[in-house]
Protein backbone atom coordinates (compact mmCIF):
# COMPACT_ATOMS: atom_id res chain seq x y z
CA UNK A 1 178.30 148.52 99.28
CA UNK A 2 178.92 147.21 102.77
CA UNK A 3 176.77 149.89 104.35
CA UNK A 4 173.85 149.21 102.00
CA UNK A 5 173.98 145.47 102.61
CA UNK A 6 173.90 146.09 106.35
CA UNK A 7 170.78 148.18 105.86
CA UNK A 8 169.09 145.24 104.16
CA UNK A 9 170.09 143.02 107.07
CA UNK A 10 168.62 145.36 109.65
CA UNK A 11 165.19 145.32 107.98
CA UNK A 12 162.43 142.77 108.32
CA UNK A 13 161.57 141.88 104.72
CA UNK A 14 158.13 140.53 105.51
CA UNK A 15 157.30 143.73 107.42
CA UNK A 16 158.61 145.99 104.64
CA UNK A 17 156.86 144.09 101.85
CA UNK A 18 153.63 143.66 103.80
CA UNK A 19 153.56 147.30 104.82
CA UNK A 20 154.38 148.69 101.40
CA UNK A 21 152.43 146.24 99.29
CA UNK A 22 149.65 144.98 101.53
CA UNK A 23 149.04 147.18 104.55
CA UNK A 24 148.93 150.29 102.41
CA UNK A 25 145.37 149.32 101.57
CA UNK A 26 144.01 148.92 105.10
CA UNK A 27 140.88 150.08 103.40
CA UNK A 28 137.28 149.33 102.75
CA UNK A 29 134.47 151.54 101.50
CA UNK A 30 130.90 150.76 100.59
CA UNK A 31 131.01 149.26 97.09
CA UNK A 32 129.03 151.33 94.64
CA UNK A 33 126.50 148.83 93.31
CA UNK A 34 126.51 150.14 89.76
CA UNK A 35 130.20 149.38 89.33
CA UNK A 36 130.54 146.16 91.36
CA UNK A 37 132.47 143.54 89.46
CA UNK A 38 135.41 141.30 90.27
CA UNK A 39 138.42 142.78 88.43
CA UNK A 40 140.64 139.70 88.95
CA UNK A 41 140.36 135.96 88.40
CA UNK A 42 142.37 132.79 89.04
CA UNK A 43 145.41 132.84 86.82
CA UNK A 44 146.36 136.47 87.44
CA UNK A 45 150.09 136.70 88.22
CA UNK A 46 151.99 139.94 88.87
CA UNK A 47 155.77 139.98 89.22
CA UNK A 48 157.63 142.86 90.87
CA UNK A 49 161.33 143.72 90.89
CA UNK A 50 162.46 144.80 94.36
CA UNK A 51 165.35 147.10 95.17
CA UNK A 52 166.76 148.60 98.35
CA UNK A 53 168.53 151.96 98.07
CA UNK A 54 169.11 151.31 94.34
CA UNK A 55 170.56 147.83 94.95
CA UNK A 56 168.64 145.00 93.23
CA UNK A 57 167.38 142.89 96.14
CA UNK A 58 164.94 140.29 94.78
CA UNK A 59 161.43 139.85 93.50
CA UNK A 60 157.85 139.51 94.74
CA UNK A 61 155.03 137.67 93.00
CA UNK A 62 151.32 138.24 93.64
CA UNK A 63 148.93 135.55 92.37
CA UNK A 64 145.26 134.62 92.28
CA UNK A 65 145.14 130.85 92.60
CA UNK A 66 142.27 128.43 91.80
CA UNK A 67 139.41 128.64 94.31
CA UNK A 68 139.39 126.31 97.32
CA UNK A 69 136.95 125.16 99.97
CA UNK A 70 137.63 126.33 103.54
CA UNK A 71 135.39 124.81 106.22
CA UNK A 72 132.72 124.16 103.62
CA UNK A 73 132.88 127.67 102.11
CA UNK A 74 134.13 128.35 98.58
CA UNK A 75 137.01 130.81 98.75
CA UNK A 76 139.38 132.89 96.67
CA UNK A 77 143.01 131.96 97.29
CA UNK A 78 145.59 134.76 97.11
CA UNK A 79 149.36 134.20 97.36
CA UNK A 80 152.26 136.60 97.83
CA UNK A 81 155.83 135.28 97.65
CA UNK A 82 159.09 137.19 98.08
CA UNK A 83 162.66 136.02 97.63
CA UNK A 84 166.07 137.65 97.64
CA UNK A 85 168.41 137.37 94.67
CA UNK A 86 171.63 135.25 94.78
CA UNK A 87 173.79 138.24 95.76
CA UNK A 88 171.63 139.13 98.77
CA UNK A 89 171.26 135.42 99.64
CA UNK A 90 174.92 135.40 100.68
CA UNK A 91 174.24 137.98 103.39
CA UNK A 92 170.55 137.62 104.21
CA UNK A 93 168.51 134.91 102.48
CA UNK A 94 164.80 135.63 102.16
CA UNK A 95 162.07 133.15 101.25
CA UNK A 96 158.64 134.40 102.34
CA UNK A 97 155.12 133.25 101.42
CA UNK A 98 151.67 134.49 102.43
CA UNK A 99 148.43 132.61 101.65
CA UNK A 100 145.05 134.27 102.20
CA UNK A 101 141.56 132.89 101.73
CA UNK A 102 138.39 134.99 101.50
CA UNK A 103 134.78 134.10 100.65
CA UNK A 104 133.69 134.48 97.01
CA UNK A 105 131.47 137.45 97.93
CA UNK A 106 134.60 139.24 99.19
CA UNK A 107 133.09 140.05 102.59
CA UNK A 108 135.56 138.55 105.11
CA UNK A 109 138.73 136.50 105.58
CA UNK A 110 138.48 132.78 106.24
CA UNK A 111 142.12 131.73 106.75
CA UNK A 112 145.55 133.38 106.70
CA UNK A 113 148.99 131.75 106.59
CA UNK A 114 152.50 133.21 106.60
CA UNK A 115 155.77 131.32 106.17
CA UNK A 116 158.71 133.56 106.92
CA UNK A 117 162.37 132.69 106.38
CA UNK A 118 164.66 135.71 106.65
CA UNK A 119 168.24 135.14 107.72
CA UNK A 120 168.02 133.30 111.04
CA UNK A 121 164.37 134.27 111.56
CA UNK A 122 161.75 131.62 110.85
CA UNK A 123 158.00 131.72 111.46
CA UNK A 124 155.14 129.48 110.40
CA UNK A 125 151.99 131.46 111.18
CA UNK A 126 148.36 130.46 110.75
CA UNK A 127 145.36 132.59 111.69
CA UNK A 128 142.00 130.83 111.99
CA UNK A 129 138.85 132.95 111.78
CA UNK A 130 135.83 131.94 113.84
CA UNK A 131 132.94 134.07 112.64
CA UNK A 132 130.40 132.40 114.92
CA UNK A 133 131.95 134.20 117.90
CA UNK A 134 133.96 136.86 116.00
CA UNK A 135 137.41 135.76 117.14
CA UNK A 136 140.71 134.94 115.46
CA UNK A 137 143.28 132.46 116.77
CA UNK A 138 146.98 133.03 116.07
CA UNK A 139 149.24 129.97 115.75
CA UNK A 140 153.02 129.82 115.25
CA UNK A 141 154.50 126.42 114.40
CA UNK A 142 151.14 124.87 115.33
CA UNK A 143 151.21 126.38 118.84
CA UNK A 144 148.34 128.72 119.64
CA UNK A 145 149.74 131.96 121.02
CA UNK A 146 146.79 134.31 121.05
CA UNK A 147 143.02 134.67 120.62
CA UNK A 148 141.57 138.10 119.84
CA UNK A 149 138.16 139.62 119.15
CA UNK A 150 137.70 140.79 115.56
CA UNK A 151 135.36 143.34 114.04
CA UNK A 152 132.66 142.37 111.53
CA UNK A 153 133.85 142.09 107.90
CA UNK A 154 137.52 142.11 108.91
CA UNK A 155 140.14 141.13 106.36
CA UNK A 156 143.70 139.91 106.69
CA UNK A 157 146.48 142.18 105.31
CA UNK A 158 146.57 140.44 101.90
CA UNK A 159 142.85 139.94 101.26
CA UNK A 160 142.07 143.57 102.07
CA UNK A 161 144.21 144.61 99.10
CA UNK A 162 142.14 142.51 96.72
CA UNK A 163 138.91 143.81 98.27
CA UNK A 164 140.12 147.36 97.70
CA UNK A 165 140.36 146.63 93.98
CA UNK A 166 136.55 146.53 93.87
CA UNK A 167 136.23 150.16 94.94
CA UNK A 168 135.68 153.33 92.94
CA UNK A 169 138.57 155.58 93.95
CA UNK A 170 138.26 159.34 94.22
CA UNK A 171 141.05 161.85 94.81
CA UNK A 172 141.18 163.24 98.38
CA UNK A 173 138.94 160.44 99.67
CA UNK A 174 139.98 158.66 102.86
CA UNK A 175 139.11 154.97 102.91
CA UNK A 176 139.06 152.77 105.98
CA UNK A 177 138.66 149.13 106.98
CA UNK A 178 138.99 146.69 109.89
CA UNK A 179 142.10 144.57 109.33
CA UNK A 180 143.70 141.85 111.44
CA UNK A 181 146.91 139.84 111.36
CA UNK A 182 145.72 137.62 114.22
CA UNK A 183 147.53 139.64 116.88
CA UNK A 184 145.38 142.76 116.77
CA UNK A 185 142.38 144.07 114.86
CA UNK A 186 142.48 147.73 113.88
CA UNK A 187 140.79 150.30 111.69
CA UNK A 188 143.34 151.20 109.04
CA UNK A 189 143.20 154.29 106.86
CA UNK A 190 144.58 155.27 103.47
CA UNK A 191 144.21 158.45 101.41
CA UNK A 192 143.87 158.72 97.64
CA UNK A 193 146.35 161.54 97.07
CA UNK A 194 146.10 162.19 93.34
CA UNK A 195 145.82 160.80 89.84
CA UNK A 196 148.95 161.03 87.69
CA UNK A 197 151.00 159.39 84.96
CA UNK A 198 153.94 157.22 85.97
CA UNK A 199 156.67 155.73 83.80
CA UNK A 200 157.83 152.14 84.20
CA UNK A 201 160.08 149.94 82.10
CA UNK A 202 157.05 148.72 80.15
CA UNK A 203 155.63 152.17 79.40
CA UNK A 204 153.59 155.03 80.83
CA UNK A 205 150.44 154.44 82.87
CA UNK A 206 147.60 156.47 84.34
CA UNK A 207 147.59 155.73 88.05
CA UNK A 208 146.18 156.68 91.42
CA UNK A 209 148.67 157.43 94.20
CA UNK A 210 147.64 156.15 97.65
CA UNK A 211 149.29 156.76 101.01
CA UNK A 212 148.35 155.04 104.29
CA UNK A 213 148.47 156.31 107.81
CA UNK A 214 151.35 154.55 109.60
CA UNK A 215 150.05 154.78 113.15
CA UNK A 216 149.62 151.01 113.52
CA UNK A 217 152.66 149.86 111.54
CA UNK A 218 155.58 149.15 113.84
CA UNK A 219 159.18 148.09 113.29
CA UNK A 220 161.36 150.28 111.14
CA UNK A 221 158.40 152.54 110.25
CA UNK A 222 157.79 153.31 113.93
CA UNK A 223 161.44 154.28 114.35
CA UNK A 224 161.52 156.58 111.30
CA UNK A 225 160.32 160.12 111.95
CA UNK A 226 159.61 160.89 108.27
CA UNK A 227 158.51 157.40 107.22
CA UNK A 228 156.24 157.23 104.21
CA UNK A 229 154.63 154.53 102.10
CA UNK A 230 153.28 155.13 98.61
CA UNK A 231 151.46 152.85 96.19
CA UNK A 232 150.46 153.53 92.61
CA UNK A 233 147.59 151.46 91.14
CA UNK A 234 146.26 151.53 87.59
CA UNK A 235 143.49 154.07 87.05
CA UNK A 236 141.31 151.56 85.17
CA UNK A 237 138.80 149.21 86.81
CA UNK A 238 141.43 146.52 87.43
CA UNK A 239 143.36 148.59 90.03
CA UNK A 240 146.56 146.71 89.25
CA UNK A 241 149.45 147.65 91.59
CA UNK A 242 152.16 149.26 89.47
CA UNK A 243 154.75 150.65 91.86
CA UNK A 244 155.47 150.57 95.59
CA UNK A 245 157.81 152.88 97.45
CA UNK A 246 158.68 153.29 101.10
CA UNK A 247 160.96 155.74 102.87
CA UNK A 248 162.43 154.79 106.26
CA UNK A 249 165.44 155.68 108.35
CA UNK A 250 167.70 153.02 106.77
CA UNK A 251 166.89 153.87 103.15
CA UNK A 252 164.22 153.46 100.51
CA UNK A 253 162.48 150.33 99.27
CA UNK A 254 161.00 150.19 95.75
CA UNK A 255 159.00 147.54 93.93
CA UNK A 256 158.02 147.93 90.27
CA UNK A 257 155.75 145.75 88.17
CA UNK A 258 157.82 144.07 85.47
CA UNK A 259 155.50 141.32 84.24
CA UNK A 260 151.75 140.68 84.29
CA UNK A 261 149.82 137.70 83.03
CA UNK A 262 146.25 136.51 83.29
CA UNK A 263 144.93 140.03 83.92
CA UNK A 264 141.46 140.90 82.72
CA UNK A 265 140.90 143.24 79.79
CA UNK A 266 140.23 146.75 81.10
């Protein structure tokens, strides 16, 4: 037990969760016009049970909030929260929250915020997007630390996941997209590996398995020779994330959907 707890301590929760649950879909394809529809709506709430090397570690919640206005533009508001359970709190308390705003046409990010509290690490990040000159400004605790150039139609790491839910997925297809966290803007890639059935606590589901390239994901993934991230999404038009799994040098991280509300009828 002591060794496993130490493994949790050595890992950056926000990096693990973002990489496994968000950055896996560094992807954007041309939307096929005949199938374009928004498969989510305000009120959708997905709850995931998180475990580290078979030890229950906490939960993550992904939500679509009511729309907001950002600099005069109507926007979707997406939220991801993650927290450790009482047992892990004793060793390494985690309370993370990400807020992302994207225009209602789902073409680009408008604002990105990240509040990170993990052990002794605290960050309060805000990324402002200036589309008039195609730049993004990175702030931490209200202090601007960096300004970078961004590619057209770039998304933040959370919004790009929701954009990807608009796509028609095909096995063996490689999908790509410009993505930025305010510190760099890259072209990320993910492959649709196969379609299969997976079993969860709430039943069996048809799902697509996706795997990203990890070239641009640092931290524990960079240090793990055989690192891998996998994500299973429902094979219907909603593309609901069902299961997340990562393999790194200090163990494996798994998140499974345990509760869903406000989802649209397939």
